[in-house]
PDB file of N, CA and C in Angstrom:
ATOM      1  N   UNK A   1      -0.898   8.873 -12.750  1.00  0.00           N
ATOM      2  CA  UNK A   1      -1.755   9.266 -11.650  1.00  0.00           C
ATOM      3  C   UNK A   1      -0.984  10.265 -10.787  1.00  0.00           C
ATOM      4  N   UNK A   2      -1.596  11.374 -10.518  1.00  0.00           N
ATOM      5  CA  UNK A   2      -0.988  12.441  -9.732  1.00  0.00           C
ATOM      6  C   UNK A   2      -1.621  12.470  -8.337  1.00  0.00           C
ATOM      7  N   UNK A   3      -0.809  12.750  -7.327  1.00  0.00           N
ATOM      8  CA  UNK A   3      -1.294  12.764  -5.949  1.00  0.00           C
ATOM      9  C   UNK A   3      -2.480  13.701  -5.768  1.00  0.00           C
ATOM     10  N   UNK A   4      -2.398  14.887  -6.358  1.00  0.00           N
ATOM     11  CA  UNK A   4      -3.490  15.851  -6.201  1.00  0.00           C
ATOM     12  C   UNK A   4      -4.798  15.350  -6.808  1.00  0.00           C
ATOM     13  N   UNK A   5      -4.705  14.481  -7.803  1.00  0.00           N
ATOM     14  CA  UNK A   5      -5.906  13.911  -8.423  1.00  0.00           C
ATOM     15  C   UNK A   5      -6.553  12.846  -7.544  1.00  0.00           C
ATOM     16  N   UNK A   6      -5.735  12.158  -6.755  1.00  0.00           N
ATOM     17  CA  UNK A   6      -6.249  10.998  -6.016  1.00  0.00           C
ATOM     18  C   UNK A   6      -6.235  11.142  -4.495  1.00  0.00           C
ATOM     19  N   UNK A   7      -5.696  12.236  -3.972  1.00  0.00           N
ATOM     20  CA  UNK A   7      -5.502  12.313  -2.519  1.00  0.00           C
ATOM     21  C   UNK A   7      -6.786  12.179  -1.711  1.00  0.00           C
ATOM     22  N   UNK A   8      -7.920  12.585  -2.281  1.00  0.00           N
ATOM     23  CA  UNK A   8      -9.192  12.478  -1.565  1.00  0.00           C
ATOM     24  C   UNK A   8      -9.929  11.173  -1.872  1.00  0.00           C
ATOM     25  N   UNK A   9      -9.451  10.426  -2.863  1.00  0.00           N
ATOM     26  CA  UNK A   9     -10.116   9.166  -3.230  1.00  0.00           C
ATOM     27  C   UNK A   9      -9.850   8.109  -2.173  1.00  0.00           C
ATOM     28  N   UNK A  10     -10.778   7.167  -2.088  1.00  0.00           N
ATOM     29  CA  UNK A  10     -10.702   6.119  -1.072  1.00  0.00           C
ATOM     30  C   UNK A  10     -10.676   4.755  -1.760  1.00  0.00           C
ATOM     31  N   UNK A  11      -9.469   4.258  -2.049  1.00  0.00           N
ATOM     32  CA  UNK A  11      -9.373   2.983  -2.756  1.00  0.00           C
ATOM     33  C   UNK A  11      -9.869   1.810  -1.912  1.00  0.00           C
ATOM     34  N   UNK A  12     -10.410   0.825  -2.618  1.00  0.00           N
ATOM     35  CA  UNK A  12     -10.901  -0.399  -1.984  1.00  0.00           C
ATOM     36  C   UNK A  12     -10.134  -1.580  -2.550  1.00  0.00           C
ATOM     37  N   UNK A  13      -9.583  -2.404  -1.664  1.00  0.00           N
ATOM     38  CA  UNK A  13      -8.836  -3.574  -2.132  1.00  0.00           C
ATOM     39  C   UNK A  13      -9.787  -4.621  -2.688  1.00  0.00           C
ATOM     40  N   UNK A  14      -9.299  -5.361  -3.662  1.00  0.00           N
ATOM     41  CA  UNK A  14     -10.011  -6.495  -4.244  1.00  0.00           C
ATOM     42  C   UNK A  14      -9.139  -7.722  -4.042  1.00  0.00           C
ATOM     43  N   UNK A  15      -9.753  -8.860  -3.956  1.00  0.00           N
ATOM     44  CA  UNK A  15      -8.992 -10.080  -3.747  1.00  0.00           C
ATOM     45  C   UNK A  15      -8.831 -10.367  -2.269  1.00  0.00           C
ATOM     46  N   UNK A  16      -8.057 -11.401  -1.999  1.00  0.00           N
ATOM     47  CA  UNK A  16      -7.835 -11.791  -0.610  1.00  0.00           C
ATOM     48  C   UNK A  16      -6.428 -12.332  -0.448  1.00  0.00           C
ATOM     49  N   UNK A  17      -5.881 -12.132   0.745  1.00  0.00           N
ATOM     50  CA  UNK A  17      -4.564 -12.669   1.058  1.00  0.00           C
ATOM     51  C   UNK A  17      -4.639 -14.185   1.002  1.00  0.00           C
ATOM     52  N   UNK A  18      -3.694 -14.770   0.289  1.00  0.00           N
ATOM     53  CA  UNK A  18      -3.675 -16.215   0.129  1.00  0.00           C
ATOM     54  C   UNK A  18      -2.621 -16.849   1.026  1.00  0.00           C
ATOM     55  N   UNK A  19      -1.378 -16.403   0.866  1.00  0.00           N
ATOM     56  CA  UNK A  19      -0.273 -17.012   1.596  1.00  0.00           C
ATOM     57  C   UNK A  19       0.993 -16.209   1.328  1.00  0.00           C
ATOM     58  N   UNK A  20       2.044 -16.574   2.009  1.00  0.00           N
ATOM     59  CA  UNK A  20       3.357 -16.022   1.691  1.00  0.00           C
ATOM     60  C   UNK A  20       3.867 -16.738   0.441  1.00  0.00           C
ATOM     61  N   UNK A  21       4.667 -16.046  -0.346  1.00  0.00           N
ATOM     62  CA  UNK A  21       5.273 -16.654  -1.528  1.00  0.00           C
ATOM     63  C   UNK A  21       6.336 -17.653  -1.084  1.00  0.00           C
ATOM     64  N   UNK A  22       6.773 -18.485  -2.018  1.00  0.00           N
ATOM     65  CA  UNK A  22       7.770 -19.504  -1.692  1.00  0.00           C
ATOM     66  C   UNK A  22       9.065 -18.902  -1.170  1.00  0.00           C
ATOM     67  N   UNK A  23       9.383 -17.679  -1.613  1.00  0.00           N
ATOM     68  CA  UNK A  23      10.620 -17.036  -1.158  1.00  0.00           C
ATOM     69  C   UNK A  23      10.529 -16.573   0.297  1.00  0.00           C
ATOM     70  N   UNK A  24       9.312 -16.616   0.868  1.00  0.00           N
ATOM     71  CA  UNK A  24       9.117 -16.229   2.254  1.00  0.00           C
ATOM     72  C   UNK A  24       9.129 -14.734   2.498  1.00  0.00           C
ATOM     73  N   UNK A  25       9.228 -13.947   1.426  1.00  0.00           N
ATOM     74  CA  UNK A  25       9.281 -12.496   1.583  1.00  0.00           C
ATOM     75  C   UNK A  25       8.070 -11.811   0.983  1.00  0.00           C
ATOM     76  N   UNK A  26       7.631 -12.252  -0.174  1.00  0.00           N
ATOM     77  CA  UNK A  26       6.511 -11.620  -0.861  1.00  0.00           C
ATOM     78  C   UNK A  26       5.186 -12.239  -0.428  1.00  0.00           C
ATOM     79  N   UNK A  27       4.101 -11.577  -0.795  1.00  0.00           N
ATOM     80  CA  UNK A  27       2.761 -11.997  -0.408  1.00  0.00           C
ATOM     81  C   UNK A  27       1.967 -12.401  -1.639  1.00  0.00           C
ATOM     82  N   UNK A  28       1.115 -13.393  -1.484  1.00  0.00           N
ATOM     83  CA  UNK A  28       0.265 -13.862  -2.572  1.00  0.00           C
ATOM     84  C   UNK A  28      -1.153 -13.344  -2.325  1.00  0.00           C
ATOM     85  N   UNK A  29      -1.716 -12.704  -3.358  1.00  0.00           N
ATOM     86  CA  UNK A  29      -3.086 -12.201  -3.291  1.00  0.00           C
ATOM     87  C   UNK A  29      -3.883 -12.881  -4.391  1.00  0.00           C
ATOM     88  N   UNK A  30      -4.983 -13.498  -4.002  1.00  0.00           N
ATOM     89  CA  UNK A  30      -5.850 -14.198  -4.950  1.00  0.00           C
ATOM     90  C   UNK A  30      -6.953 -13.252  -5.407  1.00  0.00           C
ATOM     91  N   UNK A  31      -7.123 -13.180  -6.723  1.00  0.00           N
ATOM     92  CA  UNK A  31      -8.163 -12.345  -7.314  1.00  0.00           C
ATOM     93  C   UNK A  31      -9.018 -13.248  -8.187  1.00  0.00           C
ATOM     94  N   UNK A  32     -10.173 -13.618  -7.685  1.00  0.00           N
ATOM     95  CA  UNK A  32     -11.024 -14.549  -8.422  1.00  0.00           C
ATOM     96  C   UNK A  32     -10.461 -15.958  -8.363  1.00  0.00           C
ATOM     97  N   UNK A  33     -10.994 -16.817  -9.226  1.00  0.00           N
ATOM     98  CA  UNK A  33     -10.573 -18.214  -9.215  1.00  0.00           C
ATOM     99  C   UNK A  33      -9.320 -18.478 -10.035  1.00  0.00           C
ATOM    100  N   UNK A  34      -8.984 -17.553 -10.932  1.00  0.00           N
ATOM    101  CA  UNK A  34      -7.912 -17.860 -11.874  1.00  0.00           C
ATOM    102  C   UNK A  34      -6.703 -16.932 -11.820  1.00  0.00           C
ATOM    103  N   UNK A  35      -6.686 -15.968 -10.922  1.00  0.00           N
ATOM    104  CA  UNK A  35      -5.557 -15.036 -10.862  1.00  0.00           C
ATOM    105  C   UNK A  35      -4.974 -14.974  -9.460  1.00  0.00           C
ATOM    106  N   UNK A  36      -3.656 -15.119  -9.403  1.00  0.00           N
ATOM    107  CA  UNK A  36      -2.928 -14.960  -8.151  1.00  0.00           C
ATOM    108  C   UNK A  36      -1.750 -14.033  -8.434  1.00  0.00           C
ATOM    109  N   UNK A  37      -1.599 -13.022  -7.604  1.00  0.00           N
ATOM    110  CA  UNK A  37      -0.520 -12.056  -7.761  1.00  0.00           C
ATOM    111  C   UNK A  37       0.461 -12.191  -6.608  1.00  0.00           C
ATOM    112  N   UNK A  38       1.741 -12.081  -6.923  1.00  0.00           N
ATOM    113  CA  UNK A  38       2.784 -12.048  -5.912  1.00  0.00           C
ATOM    114  C   UNK A  38       3.236 -10.599  -5.782  1.00  0.00           C
ATOM    115  N   UNK A  39       3.117 -10.037  -4.592  1.00  0.00           N
ATOM    116  CA  UNK A  39       3.452  -8.628  -4.399  1.00  0.00           C
ATOM    117  C   UNK A  39       4.500  -8.451  -3.297  1.00  0.00           C
ATOM    118  N   UNK A  40       5.271  -7.409  -3.445  1.00  0.00           N
ATOM    119  CA  UNK A  40       6.304  -7.024  -2.486  1.00  0.00           C
ATOM    120  C   UNK A  40       5.625  -6.638  -1.161  1.00  0.00           C
ATOM    121  N   UNK A  41       6.309  -6.806  -0.036  1.00  0.00           N
ATOM    122  CA  UNK A  41       5.698  -6.468   1.257  1.00  0.00           C
ATOM    123  C   UNK A  41       5.134  -5.049   1.351  1.00  0.00           C
ATOM    124  N   UNK A  42       5.825  -4.051   0.799  1.00  0.00           N
ATOM    125  CA  UNK A  42       5.294  -2.685   0.905  1.00  0.00           C
ATOM    126  C   UNK A  42       4.028  -2.540   0.067  1.00  0.00           C
ATOM    127  N   UNK A  43       3.975  -3.201  -1.094  1.00  0.00           N
ATOM    128  CA  UNK A  43       2.758  -3.157  -1.914  1.00  0.00           C
ATOM    129  C   UNK A  43       1.613  -3.854  -1.178  1.00  0.00           C
ATOM    130  N   UNK A  44       1.925  -4.960  -0.508  1.00  0.00           N
ATOM    131  CA  UNK A  44       0.902  -5.657   0.281  1.00  0.00           C
ATOM    132  C   UNK A  44       0.397  -4.756   1.408  1.00  0.00           C
ATOM    133  N   UNK A  45       1.308  -4.054   2.072  1.00  0.00           N
ATOM    134  CA  UNK A  45       0.916  -3.163   3.169  1.00  0.00           C
ATOM    135  C   UNK A  45      -0.002  -2.056   2.662  1.00  0.00           C
ATOM    136  N   UNK A  46       0.366  -1.433   1.540  1.00  0.00           N
ATOM    137  CA  UNK A  46      -0.481  -0.382   0.964  1.00  0.00           C
ATOM    138  C   UNK A  46      -1.835  -0.977   0.586  1.00  0.00           C
ATOM    139  N   UNK A  47      -1.829  -2.148  -0.062  1.00  0.00           N
ATOM    140  CA  UNK A  47      -3.072  -2.830  -0.455  1.00  0.00           C
ATOM    141  C   UNK A  47      -3.949  -3.072   0.778  1.00  0.00           C
ATOM    142  N   UNK A  48      -3.338  -3.501   1.870  1.00  0.00           N
ATOM    143  CA  UNK A  48      -4.105  -3.818   3.085  1.00  0.00           C
ATOM    144  C   UNK A  48      -4.759  -2.578   3.696  1.00  0.00           C
ATOM    145  N   UNK A  49      -4.218  -1.401   3.415  1.00  0.00           N
ATOM    146  CA  UNK A  49      -4.789  -0.154   3.939  1.00  0.00           C
ATOM    147  C   UNK A  49      -5.950   0.363   3.093  1.00  0.00           C
ATOM    148  N   UNK A  50      -6.163  -0.245   1.937  1.00  0.00           N
ATOM    149  CA  UNK A  50      -7.216   0.203   1.012  1.00  0.00           C
ATOM    150  C   UNK A  50      -8.554  -0.404   1.429  1.00  0.00           C
ATOM    151  N   UNK A  51      -9.190   0.214   2.419  1.00  0.00           N
ATOM    152  CA  UNK A  51     -10.418  -0.329   3.001  1.00  0.00           C
ATOM    153  C   UNK A  51     -11.691   0.339   2.489  1.00  0.00           C
ATOM    154  N   UNK A  52     -11.544   1.267   1.533  1.00  0.00           N
ATOM    155  CA  UNK A  52     -12.712   1.941   0.982  1.00  0.00           C
ATOM    156  C   UNK A  52     -13.175   3.137   1.793  1.00  0.00           C
ATOM    157  N   UNK A  53     -12.607   3.328   2.975  1.00  0.00           N
ATOM    158  CA  UNK A  53     -12.990   4.480   3.793  1.00  0.00           C
ATOM    159  C   UNK A  53     -11.806   5.383   4.122  1.00  0.00           C
ATOM    160  N   UNK A  54     -10.601   4.947   3.778  1.00  0.00           N
ATOM    161  CA  UNK A  54      -9.396   5.724   4.045  1.00  0.00           C
ATOM    162  C   UNK A  54      -8.911   6.368   2.754  1.00  0.00           C
ATOM    163  N   UNK A  55      -8.734   7.684   2.781  1.00  0.00           N
ATOM    164  CA  UNK A  55      -8.276   8.393   1.581  1.00  0.00           C
ATOM    165  C   UNK A  55      -6.802   8.106   1.315  1.00  0.00           C
ATOM    166  N   UNK A  56      -6.388   8.350   0.086  1.00  0.00           N
ATOM    167  CA  UNK A  56      -4.985   8.173  -0.286  1.00  0.00           C
ATOM    168  C   UNK A  56      -4.102   9.051   0.604  1.00  0.00           C
ATOM    169  N   UNK A  57      -4.528  10.272   0.853  1.00  0.00           N
ATOM    170  CA  UNK A  57      -3.749  11.160   1.722  1.00  0.00           C
ATOM    171  C   UNK A  57      -3.605  10.565   3.121  1.00  0.00           C
ATOM    172  N   UNK A  58      -4.668   9.971   3.649  1.00  0.00           N
ATOM    173  CA  UNK A  58      -4.589   9.356   4.974  1.00  0.00           C
ATOM    174  C   UNK A  58      -3.759   8.082   4.968  1.00  0.00           C
ATOM    175  N   UNK A  59      -3.724   7.372   3.848  1.00  0.00           N
ATOM    176  CA  UNK A  59      -2.840   6.202   3.727  1.00  0.00           C
ATOM    177  C   UNK A  59      -1.389   6.664   3.844  1.00  0.00           C
ATOM    178  N   UNK A  60      -1.042   7.727   3.122  1.00  0.00           N
ATOM    179  CA  UNK A  60       0.315   8.280   3.200  1.00  0.00           C
ATOM    180  C   UNK A  60       0.613   8.726   4.632  1.00  0.00           C
ATOM    181  N   UNK A  61      -0.336   9.405   5.269  1.00  0.00           N
ATOM    182  CA  UNK A  61      -0.142   9.858   6.655  1.00  0.00           C
ATOM    183  C   UNK A  61       0.067   8.683   7.601  1.00  0.00           C
ATOM    184  N   UNK A  62      -0.701   7.616   7.414  1.00  0.00           N
ATOM    185  CA  UNK A  62      -0.579   6.439   8.281  1.00  0.00           C
ATOM    186  C   UNK A  62       0.804   5.796   8.126  1.00  0.00           C
ATOM    187  N   UNK A  63       1.269   5.692   6.884  1.00  0.00           N
ATOM    188  CA  UNK A  63       2.596   5.115   6.654  1.00  0.00           C
ATOM    189  C   UNK A  63       3.663   5.990   7.300  1.00  0.00           C
ATOM    190  N   UNK A  64       3.522   7.308   7.169  1.00  0.00           N
ATOM    191  CA  UNK A  64       4.482   8.226   7.794  1.00  0.00           C
ATOM    192  C   UNK A  64       4.486   8.037   9.314  1.00  0.00           C
ATOM    193  N   UNK A  65       3.303   7.920   9.920  1.00  0.00           N
ATOM    194  CA  UNK A  65       3.205   7.711  11.370  1.00  0.00           C
ATOM    195  C   UNK A  65       3.852   6.394  11.786  1.00  0.00           C
ATOM    196  N   UNK A  66       3.605   5.338  11.018  1.00  0.00           N
ATOM    197  CA  UNK A  66       4.189   4.028  11.327  1.00  0.00           C
ATOM    198  C   UNK A  66       5.713   4.082  11.262  1.00  0.00           C
ATOM    199  N   UNK A  67       6.245   4.739  10.228  1.00  0.00           N
ATOM    200  CA  UNK A  67       7.698   4.855  10.093  1.00  0.00           C
ATOM    201  C   UNK A  67       8.291   5.677  11.234  1.00  0.00           C
ATOM    202  N   UNK A  68       7.584   6.736  11.626  1.00  0.00           N
ATOM    203  CA  UNK A  68       8.047   7.580  12.728  1.00  0.00           C
ATOM    204  C   UNK A  68       8.067   6.782  14.028  1.00  0.00           C
ATOM    205  N   UNK A  69       6.999   6.024  14.276  1.00  0.00           N
ATOM    206  CA  UNK A  69       6.918   5.210  15.495  1.00  0.00           C
ATOM    207  C   UNK A  69       8.018   4.153  15.508  1.00  0.00           C
ATOM    208  N   UNK A  70       8.222   3.501  14.362  1.00  0.00           N
ATOM    209  CA  UNK A  70       9.256   2.473  14.261  1.00  0.00           C
ATOM    210  C   UNK A  70      10.637   3.071  14.530  1.00  0.00           C
ATOM    211  N   UNK A  71      10.889   4.255  13.983  1.00  0.00           N
ATOM    212  CA  UNK A  71      12.176   4.930  14.204  1.00  0.00           C
ATOM    213  C   UNK A  71      12.363   5.275  15.675  1.00  0.00           C
ATOM    214  N   UNK A  72      11.306   5.797  16.303  1.00  0.00           N
ATOM    215  CA  UNK A  72      11.383   6.154  17.723  1.00  0.00           C
ATOM    216  C   UNK A  72      11.631   4.924  18.582  1.00  0.00           C
ATOM    217  N   UNK A  73      10.970   3.808  18.236  1.00  0.00           N
ATOM    218  CA  UNK A  73      11.156   2.571  18.988  1.00  0.00           C
ATOM    219  C   UNK A  73      12.595   2.075  18.899  1.00  0.00           C
ATOM    220  N   UNK A  74      13.244   2.379  17.774  1.00  0.00           N
ATOM    221  CA  UNK A  74      14.633   1.956  17.575  1.00  0.00           C
ATOM    222  C   UNK A  74      15.625   3.027  18.019  1.00  0.00           C
ATOM    223  N   UNK A  75      15.107   4.143  18.554  1.00  0.00           N
ATOM    224  CA  UNK A  75      15.970   5.215  19.017  1.00  0.00           C
ATOM    225  C   UNK A  75      16.605   6.021  17.899  1.00  0.00           C
ATOM    226  N   UNK A  76      15.975   6.003  16.736  1.00  0.00           N
ATOM    227  CA  UNK A  76      16.504   6.733  15.579  1.00  0.00           C
ATOM    228  C   UNK A  76      15.562   7.873  15.226  1.00  0.00           C
ATOM    229  N   UNK A  77      16.079   8.788  14.422  1.00  0.00           N
ATOM    230  CA  UNK A  77      15.249   9.880  13.929  1.00  0.00           C
ATOM    231  C   UNK A  77      14.640   9.461  12.598  1.00  0.00           C
ATOM    232  N   UNK A  78      13.345   9.747  12.416  1.00  0.00           N
ATOM    233  CA  UNK A  78      12.678   9.411  11.156  1.00  0.00           C
ATOM    234  C   UNK A  78      13.248  10.282  10.045  1.00  0.00           C
ATOM    235  N   UNK A  79      13.806   9.649   9.033  1.00  0.00           N
ATOM    236  CA  UNK A  79      14.439  10.386   7.948  1.00  0.00           C
ATOM    237  C   UNK A  79      13.548  10.500   6.717  1.00  0.00           C
ATOM    238  N   UNK A  80      12.360   9.936   6.757  1.00  0.00           N
ATOM    239  CA  UNK A  80      11.471   9.962   5.598  1.00  0.00           C
ATOM    240  C   UNK A  80      10.305  10.891   5.888  1.00  0.00           C
ATOM    241  N   UNK A  81      10.117  11.857   5.012  1.00  0.00           N
ATOM    242  CA  UNK A  81       9.024  12.815   5.177  1.00  0.00           C
ATOM    243  C   UNK A  81       7.820  12.388   4.346  1.00  0.00           C
ATOM    244  N   UNK A  82       6.701  13.006   4.631  1.00  0.00           N
ATOM    245  CA  UNK A  82       5.480  12.741   3.870  1.00  0.00           C
ATOM    246  C   UNK A  82       5.713  13.003   2.388  1.00  0.00           C
ATOM    247  N   UNK A  83       6.408  14.085   2.068  1.00  0.00           N
ATOM    248  CA  UNK A  83       6.672  14.416   0.666  1.00  0.00           C
ATOM    249  C   UNK A  83       7.452  13.312  -0.044  1.00  0.00           C
ATOM    250  N   UNK A  84       8.333  12.638   0.683  1.00  0.00           N
ATOM    251  CA  UNK A  84       9.111  11.550   0.093  1.00  0.00           C
ATOM    252  C   UNK A  84       8.279  10.283  -0.085  1.00  0.00           C
ATOM    253  N   UNK A  85       7.204  10.160   0.652  1.00  0.00           N
ATOM    254  CA  UNK A  85       6.350   8.972   0.569  1.00  0.00           C
ATOM    255  C   UNK A  85       5.310   9.062  -0.539  1.00  0.00           C
ATOM    256  N   UNK A  86       4.928  10.262  -0.905  1.00  0.00           N
ATOM    257  CA  UNK A  86       3.813  10.444  -1.837  1.00  0.00           C
ATOM    258  C   UNK A  86       4.036   9.714  -3.154  1.00  0.00           C
ATOM    259  N   UNK A  87       5.158   9.971  -3.817  1.00  0.00           N
ATOM    260  CA  UNK A  87       5.383   9.366  -5.133  1.00  0.00           C
ATOM    261  C   UNK A  87       5.408   7.837  -5.087  1.00  0.00           C
ATOM    262  N   UNK A  88       6.162   7.218  -4.163  1.00  0.00           N
ATOM    263  CA  UNK A  88       6.147   5.749  -4.119  1.00  0.00           C
ATOM    264  C   UNK A  88       4.762   5.162  -3.825  1.00  0.00           C
ATOM    265  N   UNK A  89       4.016   5.786  -2.922  1.00  0.00           N
ATOM    266  CA  UNK A  89       2.680   5.272  -2.593  1.00  0.00           C
ATOM    267  C   UNK A  89       1.752   5.393  -3.792  1.00  0.00           C
ATOM    268  N   UNK A  90       1.787   6.525  -4.482  1.00  0.00           N
ATOM    269  CA  UNK A  90       0.942   6.709  -5.665  1.00  0.00           C
ATOM    270  C   UNK A  90       1.336   5.714  -6.757  1.00  0.00           C
ATOM    271  N   UNK A  91       2.630   5.470  -6.921  1.00  0.00           N
ATOM    272  CA  UNK A  91       3.093   4.483  -7.906  1.00  0.00           C
ATOM    273  C   UNK A  91       2.566   3.094  -7.563  1.00  0.00           C
ATOM    274  N   UNK A  92       2.645   2.718  -6.299  1.00  0.00           N
ATOM    275  CA  UNK A  92       2.129   1.412  -5.868  1.00  0.00           C
ATOM    276  C   UNK A  92       0.628   1.326  -6.119  1.00  0.00           C
ATOM    277  N   UNK A  93      -0.108   2.361  -5.756  1.00  0.00           N
ATOM    278  CA  UNK A  93      -1.557   2.364  -5.985  1.00  0.00           C
ATOM    279  C   UNK A  93      -1.876   2.247  -7.468  1.00  0.00           C
ATOM    280  N   UNK A  94      -1.106   2.920  -8.297  1.00  0.00           N
ATOM    281  CA  UNK A  94      -1.298   2.849  -9.742  1.00  0.00           C
ATOM    282  C   UNK A  94      -1.101   1.417 -10.241  1.00  0.00           C
ATOM    283  N   UNK A  95      -0.051   0.758  -9.780  1.00  0.00           N
ATOM    284  CA  UNK A  95       0.219  -0.625 -10.189  1.00  0.00           C
ATOM    285  C   UNK A  95      -0.855  -1.576  -9.653  1.00  0.00           C
ATOM    286  N   UNK A  96      -1.301  -1.360  -8.427  1.00  0.00           N
ATOM    287  CA  UNK A  96      -2.372  -2.194  -7.873  1.00  0.00           C
ATOM    288  C   UNK A  96      -3.662  -2.018  -8.670  1.00  0.00           C
ATOM    289  N   UNK A  97      -3.935  -0.792  -9.089  1.00  0.00           N
ATOM    290  CA  UNK A  97      -5.130  -0.539  -9.898  1.00  0.00           C
ATOM    291  C   UNK A  97      -5.013  -1.214 -11.266  1.00  0.00           C
ATOM    292  N   UNK A  98      -3.845  -1.137 -11.886  1.00  0.00           N
ATOM    293  CA  UNK A  98      -3.629  -1.795 -13.189  1.00  0.00           C
ATOM    294  C   UNK A  98      -3.869  -3.299 -13.090  1.00  0.00           C
ATOM    295  N   UNK A  99      -3.491  -3.879 -11.953  1.00  0.00           N
ATOM    296  CA  UNK A  99      -3.662  -5.319 -11.739  1.00  0.00           C
ATOM    297  C   UNK A  99      -5.067  -5.668 -11.251  1.00  0.00           C
ATOM    298  N   UNK A 100      -5.937  -4.670 -11.118  1.00  0.00           N
ATOM    299  CA  UNK A 100      -7.312  -4.836 -10.619  1.00  0.00           C
ATOM    300  C   UNK A 100      -7.360  -5.305  -9.165  1.00  0.00           C
ATOM    301  N   UNK A 101      -6.299  -5.001  -8.411  1.00  0.00           N
ATOM    302  CA  UNK A 101      -6.274  -5.363  -6.995  1.00  0.00           C
ATOM    303  C   UNK A 101      -6.885  -4.284  -6.109  1.00  0.00           C
ATOM    304  N   UNK A 102      -7.116  -3.095  -6.683  1.00  0.00           N
ATOM    305  CA  UNK A 102      -7.867  -2.039  -5.998  1.00  0.00           C
ATOM    306  C   UNK A 102      -8.760  -1.343  -7.015  1.00  0.00           C
ATOM    307  N   UNK A 103      -9.796  -0.700  -6.497  1.00  0.00           N
ATOM    308  CA  UNK A 103     -10.611   0.194  -7.319  1.00  0.00           C
ATOM    309  C   UNK A 103     -10.763   1.502  -6.553  1.00  0.00           C
ATOM    310  N   UNK A 104     -10.944   2.580  -7.307  1.00  0.00           N
ATOM    311  CA  UNK A 104     -11.155   3.896  -6.694  1.00  0.00           C
ATOM    312  C   UNK A 104     -12.621   4.246  -6.747  1.00  0.00           C
TER     313      UNK A 104
END
């Protein structure tokens, strides 16, 4: 999946947040009655932004804004650019789609 192919698409999350994983770090997402997925916090955050009305490009922009705000709150300079976020976000979306946790 290439960013230019999906930047205007508006993914919609499937499933529902169930609980924190036993390790206390990952998140459990229930998909139907028989599937539960354990996902990393950043994957959960990206999944939570998939509301069906926000484009992939705007998801990347929102993450960039959040990181910038967090850096400013800590008195640091944001070292991550939008260009650096694109590939990881698209990879996460691709994996979420493979797991049927989002649809485009």
